[in-house]
């Protein structure tokens, strides 16, 4: 299962909404037999990286999205959270 574009309004950040949403995605995937949840986030989204790592995701790869990204050393990080009992 791929988690794409999770975002919480600035007015509600810091209240545990992102953590609750992420937890719900993991429960949803586990209940439906998925083996893992994957996602991508950029190197500048440090709070998102902390959130995902705190929820059990691990960084499994990096890439630059373009030649300009490579020149600027801008990277996208791939994360994966394996789900016990999944496929």
PDB file of N, CA and C in Angstrom:
ATOM      1  N   UNK A   1       0.860  -1.160   0.000  1.00  0.00           N
ATOM      2  CA  UNK A   1       0.000   0.000   0.000  1.00  0.00           C
ATOM      3  C   UNK A   1       0.903   1.219   0.000  1.00  0.00           C
ATOM      4  N   UNK A   2       0.583   2.210  -0.815  1.00  0.00           N
ATOM      5  CA  UNK A   2       1.380   3.439  -0.846  1.00  0.00           C
ATOM      6  C   UNK A   2       0.605   4.581  -0.201  1.00  0.00           C
ATOM      7  N   UNK A   3       1.236   5.231   0.742  1.00  0.00           N
ATOM      8  CA  UNK A   3       0.692   6.428   1.384  1.00  0.00           C
ATOM      9  C   UNK A   3       1.192   7.616   0.585  1.00  0.00           C
ATOM     10  N   UNK A   4       0.274   8.398   0.026  1.00  0.00           N
ATOM     11  CA  UNK A   4       0.662   9.522  -0.826  1.00  0.00           C
ATOM     12  C   UNK A   4       0.060  10.825  -0.311  1.00  0.00           C
ATOM     13  N   UNK A   5       0.883  11.834  -0.253  1.00  0.00           N
ATOM     14  CA  UNK A   5       0.451  13.212  -0.010  1.00  0.00           C
ATOM     15  C   UNK A   5      -0.375  13.423   1.253  1.00  0.00           C
ATOM     16  N   UNK A   6       0.072  12.873   2.353  1.00  0.00           N
ATOM     17  CA  UNK A   6      -0.603  13.138   3.621  1.00  0.00           C
ATOM     18  C   UNK A   6      -0.211  14.541   4.077  1.00  0.00           C
ATOM     19  N   UNK A   7      -1.197  15.336   4.403  1.00  0.00           N
ATOM     20  CA  UNK A   7      -0.939  16.703   4.842  1.00  0.00           C
ATOM     21  C   UNK A   7      -1.993  17.111   5.857  1.00  0.00           C
ATOM     22  N   UNK A   8      -1.566  17.870   6.843  1.00  0.00           N
ATOM     23  CA  UNK A   8      -2.467  18.385   7.866  1.00  0.00           C
ATOM     24  C   UNK A   8      -2.355  19.911   7.849  1.00  0.00           C
ATOM     25  N   UNK A   9      -3.486  20.568   7.887  1.00  0.00           N
ATOM     26  CA  UNK A   9      -3.529  22.032   7.901  1.00  0.00           C
ATOM     27  C   UNK A   9      -2.639  22.580   9.026  1.00  0.00           C
ATOM     28  N   UNK A  10      -1.977  23.684   8.741  1.00  0.00           N
ATOM     29  CA  UNK A  10      -1.094  24.300   9.739  1.00  0.00           C
ATOM     30  C   UNK A  10      -1.819  24.566  11.054  1.00  0.00           C
ATOM     31  N   UNK A  11      -3.104  24.867  10.984  1.00  0.00           N
ATOM     32  CA  UNK A  11      -3.884  25.159  12.192  1.00  0.00           C
ATOM     33  C   UNK A  11      -4.002  23.953  13.126  1.00  0.00           C
ATOM     34  N   UNK A  12      -3.791  22.743  12.594  1.00  0.00           N
ATOM     35  CA  UNK A  12      -3.976  21.531  13.385  1.00  0.00           C
ATOM     36  C   UNK A  12      -2.688  20.754  13.621  1.00  0.00           C
ATOM     37  N   UNK A  13      -1.572  21.287  13.185  1.00  0.00           N
ATOM     38  CA  UNK A  13      -0.295  20.600  13.396  1.00  0.00           C
ATOM     39  C   UNK A  13       0.110  20.665  14.864  1.00  0.00           C
ATOM     40  N   UNK A  14       0.838  19.657  15.292  1.00  0.00           N
ATOM     41  CA  UNK A  14       1.292  19.608  16.677  1.00  0.00           C
ATOM     42  C   UNK A  14       0.251  19.076  17.642  1.00  0.00           C
ATOM     43  N   UNK A  15      -0.863  18.572  17.121  1.00  0.00           N
ATOM     44  CA  UNK A  15      -1.946  18.061  17.964  1.00  0.00           C
ATOM     45  C   UNK A  15      -2.108  16.547  17.858  1.00  0.00           C
ATOM     46  N   UNK A  16      -1.191  15.885  17.154  1.00  0.00           N
ATOM     47  CA  UNK A  16      -1.261  14.437  17.040  1.00  0.00           C
ATOM     48  C   UNK A  16      -2.114  13.941  15.884  1.00  0.00           C
ATOM     49  N   UNK A  17      -2.601  14.860  15.042  1.00  0.00           N
ATOM     50  CA  UNK A  17      -3.456  14.458  13.918  1.00  0.00           C
ATOM     51  C   UNK A  17      -2.675  13.602  12.928  1.00  0.00           C
ATOM     52  N   UNK A  18      -1.462  14.017  12.577  1.00  0.00           N
ATOM     53  CA  UNK A  18      -0.649  13.256  11.622  1.00  0.00           C
ATOM     54  C   UNK A  18      -0.338  11.864  12.157  1.00  0.00           C
ATOM     55  N   UNK A  19      -0.014  11.790  13.424  1.00  0.00           N
ATOM     56  CA  UNK A  19       0.292  10.494  14.038  1.00  0.00           C
ATOM     57  C   UNK A  19      -0.935   9.588  14.000  1.00  0.00           C
ATOM     58  N   UNK A  20      -2.112  10.155  14.292  1.00  0.00           N
ATOM     59  CA  UNK A  20      -3.351   9.378  14.266  1.00  0.00           C
ATOM     60  C   UNK A  20      -3.675   8.914  12.843  1.00  0.00           C
ATOM     61  N   UNK A  21      -3.507   9.795  11.851  1.00  0.00           N
ATOM     62  CA  UNK A  21      -3.767   9.431  10.459  1.00  0.00           C
ATOM     63  C   UNK A  21      -2.825   8.325   9.997  1.00  0.00           C
ATOM     64  N   UNK A  22      -1.566   8.465  10.321  1.00  0.00           N
ATOM     65  CA  UNK A  22      -0.573   7.466   9.929  1.00  0.00           C
ATOM     66  C   UNK A  22      -0.890   6.118  10.583  1.00  0.00           C
ATOM     67  N   UNK A  23      -1.247   6.152  11.850  1.00  0.00           N
ATOM     68  CA  UNK A  23      -1.617   4.931  12.547  1.00  0.00           C
ATOM     69  C   UNK A  23      -2.830   4.268  11.917  1.00  0.00           C
ATOM     70  N   UNK A  24      -3.786   5.074  11.481  1.00  0.00           N
ATOM     71  CA  UNK A  24      -4.981   4.529  10.846  1.00  0.00           C
ATOM     72  C   UNK A  24      -4.650   3.885   9.502  1.00  0.00           C
ATOM     73  N   UNK A  25      -3.745   4.495   8.748  1.00  0.00           N
ATOM     74  CA  UNK A  25      -3.306   3.898   7.481  1.00  0.00           C
ATOM     75  C   UNK A  25      -2.659   2.538   7.739  1.00  0.00           C
ATOM     76  N   UNK A  26      -1.818   2.458   8.747  1.00  0.00           N
ATOM     77  CA  UNK A  26      -1.173   1.184   9.073  1.00  0.00           C
ATOM     78  C   UNK A  26      -2.197   0.132   9.504  1.00  0.00           C
ATOM     79  N   UNK A  27      -3.177   0.518  10.314  1.00  0.00           N
ATOM     80  CA  UNK A  27      -4.231  -0.423  10.726  1.00  0.00           C
ATOM     81  C   UNK A  27      -5.057  -0.877   9.520  1.00  0.00           C
ATOM     82  N   UNK A  28      -5.400   0.069   8.644  1.00  0.00           N
ATOM     83  CA  UNK A  28      -6.163  -0.239   7.434  1.00  0.00           C
ATOM     84  C   UNK A  28      -5.424  -1.262   6.579  1.00  0.00           C
ATOM     85  N   UNK A  29      -4.134  -1.006   6.351  1.00  0.00           N
ATOM     86  CA  UNK A  29      -3.329  -1.895   5.511  1.00  0.00           C
ATOM     87  C   UNK A  29      -3.192  -3.274   6.144  1.00  0.00           C
ATOM     88  N   UNK A  30      -2.933  -3.306   7.445  1.00  0.00           N
ATOM     89  CA  UNK A  30      -2.772  -4.578   8.161  1.00  0.00           C
ATOM     90  C   UNK A  30      -4.060  -5.393   8.104  1.00  0.00           C
ATOM     91  N   UNK A  31      -5.209  -4.745   8.309  1.00  0.00           N
ATOM     92  CA  UNK A  31      -6.499  -5.434   8.319  1.00  0.00           C
ATOM     93  C   UNK A  31      -6.841  -6.026   6.957  1.00  0.00           C
ATOM     94  N   UNK A  32      -6.284  -5.461   5.904  1.00  0.00           N
ATOM     95  CA  UNK A  32      -6.577  -5.939   4.553  1.00  0.00           C
ATOM     96  C   UNK A  32      -5.485  -6.835   3.985  1.00  0.00           C
ATOM     97  N   UNK A  33      -4.538  -7.205   4.838  1.00  0.00           N
ATOM     98  CA  UNK A  33      -3.541  -8.182   4.443  1.00  0.00           C
ATOM     99  C   UNK A  33      -2.350  -7.650   3.663  1.00  0.00           C
ATOM    100  N   UNK A  34      -2.162  -6.339   3.636  1.00  0.00           N
ATOM    101  CA  UNK A  34      -0.983  -5.802   2.952  1.00  0.00           C
ATOM    102  C   UNK A  34       0.273  -6.175   3.734  1.00  0.00           C
ATOM    103  N   UNK A  35       1.354  -6.399   3.018  1.00  0.00           N
ATOM    104  CA  UNK A  35       2.611  -6.762   3.647  1.00  0.00           C
ATOM    105  C   UNK A  35       3.429  -5.577   4.116  1.00  0.00           C
ATOM    106  N   UNK A  36       3.151  -4.394   3.525  1.00  0.00           N
ATOM    107  CA  UNK A  36       3.935  -3.207   3.871  1.00  0.00           C
ATOM    108  C   UNK A  36       3.202  -1.955   3.402  1.00  0.00           C
ATOM    109  N   UNK A  37       3.588  -0.840   3.990  1.00  0.00           N
ATOM    110  CA  UNK A  37       3.164   0.487   3.524  1.00  0.00           C
ATOM    111  C   UNK A  37       4.431   1.211   3.110  1.00  0.00           C
ATOM    112  N   UNK A  38       4.403   1.835   1.949  1.00  0.00           N
ATOM    113  CA  UNK A  38       5.550   2.582   1.445  1.00  0.00           C
ATOM    114  C   UNK A  38       5.141   4.032   1.220  1.00  0.00           C
ATOM    115  N   UNK A  39       6.132   4.918   1.223  1.00  0.00           N
ATOM    116  CA  UNK A  39       5.886   6.334   0.973  1.00  0.00           C
ATOM    117  C   UNK A  39       7.189   7.007   0.585  1.00  0.00           C
ATOM    118  N   UNK A  40       7.071   8.217   0.082  1.00  0.00           N
ATOM    119  CA  UNK A  40       8.236   9.040  -0.249  1.00  0.00           C
ATOM    120  C   UNK A  40       8.050  10.418   0.359  1.00  0.00           C
ATOM    121  N   UNK A  41       9.144  11.021   0.785  1.00  0.00           N
ATOM    122  CA  UNK A  41       9.113  12.388   1.294  1.00  0.00           C
ATOM    123  C   UNK A  41      10.452  13.037   0.971  1.00  0.00           C
ATOM    124  N   UNK A  42      10.478  14.341   0.964  1.00  0.00           N
ATOM    125  CA  UNK A  42      11.717  15.026   0.588  1.00  0.00           C
ATOM    126  C   UNK A  42      12.624  15.253   1.791  1.00  0.00           C
ATOM    127  N   UNK A  43      13.864  15.530   1.478  1.00  0.00           N
ATOM    128  CA  UNK A  43      14.866  15.751   2.512  1.00  0.00           C
ATOM    129  C   UNK A  43      14.556  16.960   3.389  1.00  0.00           C
ATOM    130  N   UNK A  44      13.770  17.906   2.884  1.00  0.00           N
ATOM    131  CA  UNK A  44      13.476  19.113   3.665  1.00  0.00           C
ATOM    132  C   UNK A  44      12.311  18.917   4.625  1.00  0.00           C
ATOM    133  N   UNK A  45      11.571  17.825   4.491  1.00  0.00           N
ATOM    134  CA  UNK A  45      10.424  17.563   5.358  1.00  0.00           C
ATOM    135  C   UNK A  45      10.859  16.760   6.582  1.00  0.00           C
ATOM    136  N   UNK A  46      11.635  17.412   7.413  1.00  0.00           N
ATOM    137  CA  UNK A  46      12.247  16.757   8.578  1.00  0.00           C
ATOM    138  C   UNK A  46      11.188  16.285   9.573  1.00  0.00           C
ATOM    139  N   UNK A  47      10.160  17.087   9.803  1.00  0.00           N
ATOM    140  CA  UNK A  47       9.105  16.679  10.740  1.00  0.00           C
ATOM    141  C   UNK A  47       8.398  15.428  10.232  1.00  0.00           C
ATOM    142  N   UNK A  48       8.172  15.340   8.926  1.00  0.00           N
ATOM    143  CA  UNK A  48       7.537  14.159   8.345  1.00  0.00           C
ATOM    144  C   UNK A  48       8.437  12.942   8.529  1.00  0.00           C
ATOM    145  N   UNK A  49       9.723  13.108   8.325  1.00  0.00           N
ATOM    146  CA  UNK A  49      10.664  11.994   8.509  1.00  0.00           C
ATOM    147  C   UNK A  49      10.602  11.480   9.946  1.00  0.00           C
ATOM    148  N   UNK A  50      10.587  12.395  10.902  1.00  0.00           N
ATOM    149  CA  UNK A  50      10.506  12.002  12.322  1.00  0.00           C
ATOM    150  C   UNK A  50       9.198  11.261  12.599  1.00  0.00           C
ATOM    151  N   UNK A  51       8.097  11.775  12.043  1.00  0.00           N
ATOM    152  CA  UNK A  51       6.800  11.127  12.230  1.00  0.00           C
ATOM    153  C   UNK A  51       6.843   9.699  11.718  1.00  0.00           C
ATOM    154  N   UNK A  52       7.270   9.520  10.462  1.00  0.00           N
ATOM    155  CA  UNK A  52       7.265   8.192   9.857  1.00  0.00           C
ATOM    156  C   UNK A  52       8.196   7.239  10.592  1.00  0.00           C
ATOM    157  N   UNK A  53       9.380   7.704  10.946  1.00  0.00           N
ATOM    158  CA  UNK A  53      10.317   6.843  11.665  1.00  0.00           C
ATOM    159  C   UNK A  53       9.756   6.458  13.032  1.00  0.00           C
ATOM    160  N   UNK A  54       9.048   7.385  13.672  1.00  0.00           N
ATOM    161  CA  UNK A  54       8.415   7.101  14.958  1.00  0.00           C
ATOM    162  C   UNK A  54       7.271   6.099  14.856  1.00  0.00           C
ATOM    163  N   UNK A  55       6.712   5.950  13.655  1.00  0.00           N
ATOM    164  CA  UNK A  55       5.612   5.012  13.417  1.00  0.00           C
ATOM    165  C   UNK A  55       6.118   3.657  12.910  1.00  0.00           C
ATOM    166  N   UNK A  56       7.441   3.499  12.822  1.00  0.00           N
ATOM    167  CA  UNK A  56       8.007   2.215  12.437  1.00  0.00           C
ATOM    168  C   UNK A  56       8.496   2.118  10.996  1.00  0.00           C
ATOM    169  N   UNK A  57       8.437   3.219  10.261  1.00  0.00           N
ATOM    170  CA  UNK A  57       8.967   3.206   8.894  1.00  0.00           C
ATOM    171  C   UNK A  57      10.480   3.273   8.944  1.00  0.00           C
ATOM    172  N   UNK A  58      11.116   2.671   7.940  1.00  0.00           N
ATOM    173  CA  UNK A  58      12.568   2.783   7.823  1.00  0.00           C
ATOM    174  C   UNK A  58      12.909   3.274   6.428  1.00  0.00           C
ATOM    175  N   UNK A  59      13.955   4.057   6.351  1.00  0.00           N
ATOM    176  CA  UNK A  59      14.402   4.593   5.068  1.00  0.00           C
ATOM    177  C   UNK A  59      15.022   3.462   4.267  1.00  0.00           C
ATOM    178  N   UNK A  60      14.545   3.274   3.025  1.00  0.00           N
ATOM    179  CA  UNK A  60      15.031   2.170   2.203  1.00  0.00           C
ATOM    180  C   UNK A  60      15.689   2.645   0.908  1.00  0.00           C
ATOM    181  N   UNK A  61      15.695   3.941   0.655  1.00  0.00           N
ATOM    182  CA  UNK A  61      16.336   4.429  -0.565  1.00  0.00           C
ATOM    183  C   UNK A  61      16.234   5.935  -0.694  1.00  0.00           C
ATOM    184  N   UNK A  62      17.049   6.459  -1.585  1.00  0.00           N
ATOM    185  CA  UNK A  62      17.025   7.893  -1.897  1.00  0.00           C
ATOM    186  C   UNK A  62      17.212   8.066  -3.396  1.00  0.00           C
ATOM    187  N   UNK A  63      16.693   9.180  -3.911  1.00  0.00           N
ATOM    188  CA  UNK A  63      16.954   9.519  -5.305  1.00  0.00           C
ATOM    189  C   UNK A  63      16.775  11.013  -5.498  1.00  0.00           C
ATOM    190  N   UNK A  64      17.376  11.534  -6.551  1.00  0.00           N
ATOM    191  CA  UNK A  64      17.189  12.932  -6.938  1.00  0.00           C
ATOM    192  C   UNK A  64      16.119  12.962  -8.017  1.00  0.00           C
ATOM    193  N   UNK A  65      15.142  13.852  -7.895  1.00  0.00           N
ATOM    194  CA  UNK A  65      14.010  13.836  -8.815  1.00  0.00           C
ATOM    195  C   UNK A  65      14.310  14.366 -10.220  1.00  0.00           C
ATOM    196  N   UNK A  66      15.464  14.994 -10.414  1.00  0.00           N
ATOM    197  CA  UNK A  66      15.788  15.582 -11.719  1.00  0.00           C
ATOM    198  C   UNK A  66      17.282  15.896 -11.770  1.00  0.00           C
ATOM    199  N   UNK A  67      17.730  16.291 -12.926  1.00  0.00           N
ATOM    200  CA  UNK A  67      19.125  16.723 -13.066  1.00  0.00           C
ATOM    201  C   UNK A  67      19.386  17.932 -12.181  1.00  0.00           C
ATOM    202  N   UNK A  68      18.456  18.888 -12.176  1.00  0.00           N
ATOM    203  CA  UNK A  68      18.613  20.056 -11.312  1.00  0.00           C
ATOM    204  C   UNK A  68      18.656  19.625  -9.848  1.00  0.00           C
ATOM    205  N   UNK A  69      17.784  18.679  -9.481  1.00  0.00           N
ATOM    206  CA  UNK A  69      17.805  18.160  -8.117  1.00  0.00           C
ATOM    207  C   UNK A  69      19.152  17.556  -7.767  1.00  0.00           C
ATOM    208  N   UNK A  70      19.738  16.849  -8.720  1.00  0.00           N
ATOM    209  CA  UNK A  70      21.069  16.263  -8.500  1.00  0.00           C
ATOM    210  C   UNK A  70      22.113  17.351  -8.293  1.00  0.00           C
ATOM    211  N   UNK A  71      22.056  18.381  -9.127  1.00  0.00           N
ATOM    212  CA  UNK A  71      23.023  19.476  -9.011  1.00  0.00           C
ATOM    213  C   UNK A  71      22.894  20.214  -7.687  1.00  0.00           C
ATOM    214  N   UNK A  72      21.664  20.287  -7.177  1.00  0.00           N
ATOM    215  CA  UNK A  72      21.417  20.980  -5.906  1.00  0.00           C
ATOM    216  C   UNK A  72      21.497  20.045  -4.696  1.00  0.00           C
ATOM    217  N   UNK A  73      21.815  18.775  -4.971  1.00  0.00           N
ATOM    218  CA  UNK A  73      21.884  17.747  -3.910  1.00  0.00           C
ATOM    219  C   UNK A  73      20.548  17.589  -3.182  1.00  0.00           C
ATOM    220  N   UNK A  74      19.452  17.768  -3.918  1.00  0.00           N
ATOM    221  CA  UNK A  74      18.110  17.596  -3.357  1.00  0.00           C
ATOM    222  C   UNK A  74      17.705  16.141  -3.519  1.00  0.00           C
ATOM    223  N   UNK A  75      17.234  15.534  -2.434  1.00  0.00           N
ATOM    224  CA  UNK A  75      16.896  14.120  -2.475  1.00  0.00           C
ATOM    225  C   UNK A  75      15.479  13.849  -1.996  1.00  0.00           C
ATOM    226  N   UNK A  76      14.925  12.804  -2.552  1.00  0.00           N
ATOM    227  CA  UNK A  76      13.659  12.243  -2.095  1.00  0.00           C
ATOM    228  C   UNK A  76      14.003  10.944  -1.367  1.00  0.00           C
ATOM    229  N   UNK A  77      13.409  10.741  -0.206  1.00  0.00           N
ATOM    230  CA  UNK A  77      13.644   9.537   0.584  1.00  0.00           C
ATOM    231  C   UNK A  77      12.457   8.587   0.442  1.00  0.00           C
ATOM    232  N   UNK A  78      12.749   7.321   0.230  1.00  0.00           N
ATOM    233  CA  UNK A  78      11.726   6.275   0.211  1.00  0.00           C
ATOM    234  C   UNK A  78      11.722   5.596   1.569  1.00  0.00           C
ATOM    235  N   UNK A  79      10.520   5.385   2.101  1.00  0.00           N
ATOM    236  CA  UNK A  79      10.340   4.712   3.384  1.00  0.00           C
ATOM    237  C   UNK A  79       9.451   3.490   3.208  1.00  0.00           C
ATOM    238  N   UNK A  80       9.622   2.538   4.113  1.00  0.00           N
ATOM    239  CA  UNK A  80       8.820   1.311   4.095  1.00  0.00           C
ATOM    240  C   UNK A  80       8.539   0.901   5.538  1.00  0.00           C
ATOM    241  N   UNK A  81       7.323   0.457   5.775  1.00  0.00           N
ATOM    242  CA  UNK A  81       6.958  -0.111   7.066  1.00  0.00           C
ATOM    243  C   UNK A  81       6.379  -1.494   6.807  1.00  0.00           C
ATOM    244  N   UNK A  82       7.128  -2.533   7.181  1.00  0.00           N
ATOM    245  CA  UNK A  82       6.655  -3.903   7.017  1.00  0.00           C
ATOM    246  C   UNK A  82       5.608  -4.202   8.080  1.00  0.00           C
ATOM    247  N   UNK A  83       4.557  -4.896   7.648  1.00  0.00           N
ATOM    248  CA  UNK A  83       3.443  -5.204   8.548  1.00  0.00           C
ATOM    249  C   UNK A  83       3.462  -6.679   8.908  1.00  0.00           C
ATOM    250  N   UNK A  84       3.524  -6.985  10.205  1.00  0.00           N
ATOM    251  CA  UNK A  84       3.523  -8.386  10.627  1.00  0.00           C
ATOM    252  C   UNK A  84       2.263  -9.098  10.136  1.00  0.00           C
ATOM    253  N   UNK A  85       2.447 -10.307   9.639  1.00  0.00           N
ATOM    254  CA  UNK A  85       1.319 -11.103   9.187  1.00  0.00           C
ATOM    255  C   UNK A  85       0.803 -10.733   7.816  1.00  0.00           C
ATOM    256  N   UNK A  86       1.457  -9.751   7.165  1.00  0.00           N
ATOM    257  CA  UNK A  86       1.023  -9.346   5.827  1.00  0.00           C
ATOM    258  C   UNK A  86       1.557 -10.288   4.765  1.00  0.00           C
ATOM    259  N   UNK A  87       1.135 -10.011   3.547  1.00  0.00           N
ATOM    260  CA  UNK A  87       1.549 -10.868   2.411  1.00  0.00           C
ATOM    261  C   UNK A  87       3.026 -10.713   2.115  1.00  0.00           C
TER     262      UNK A  87
END
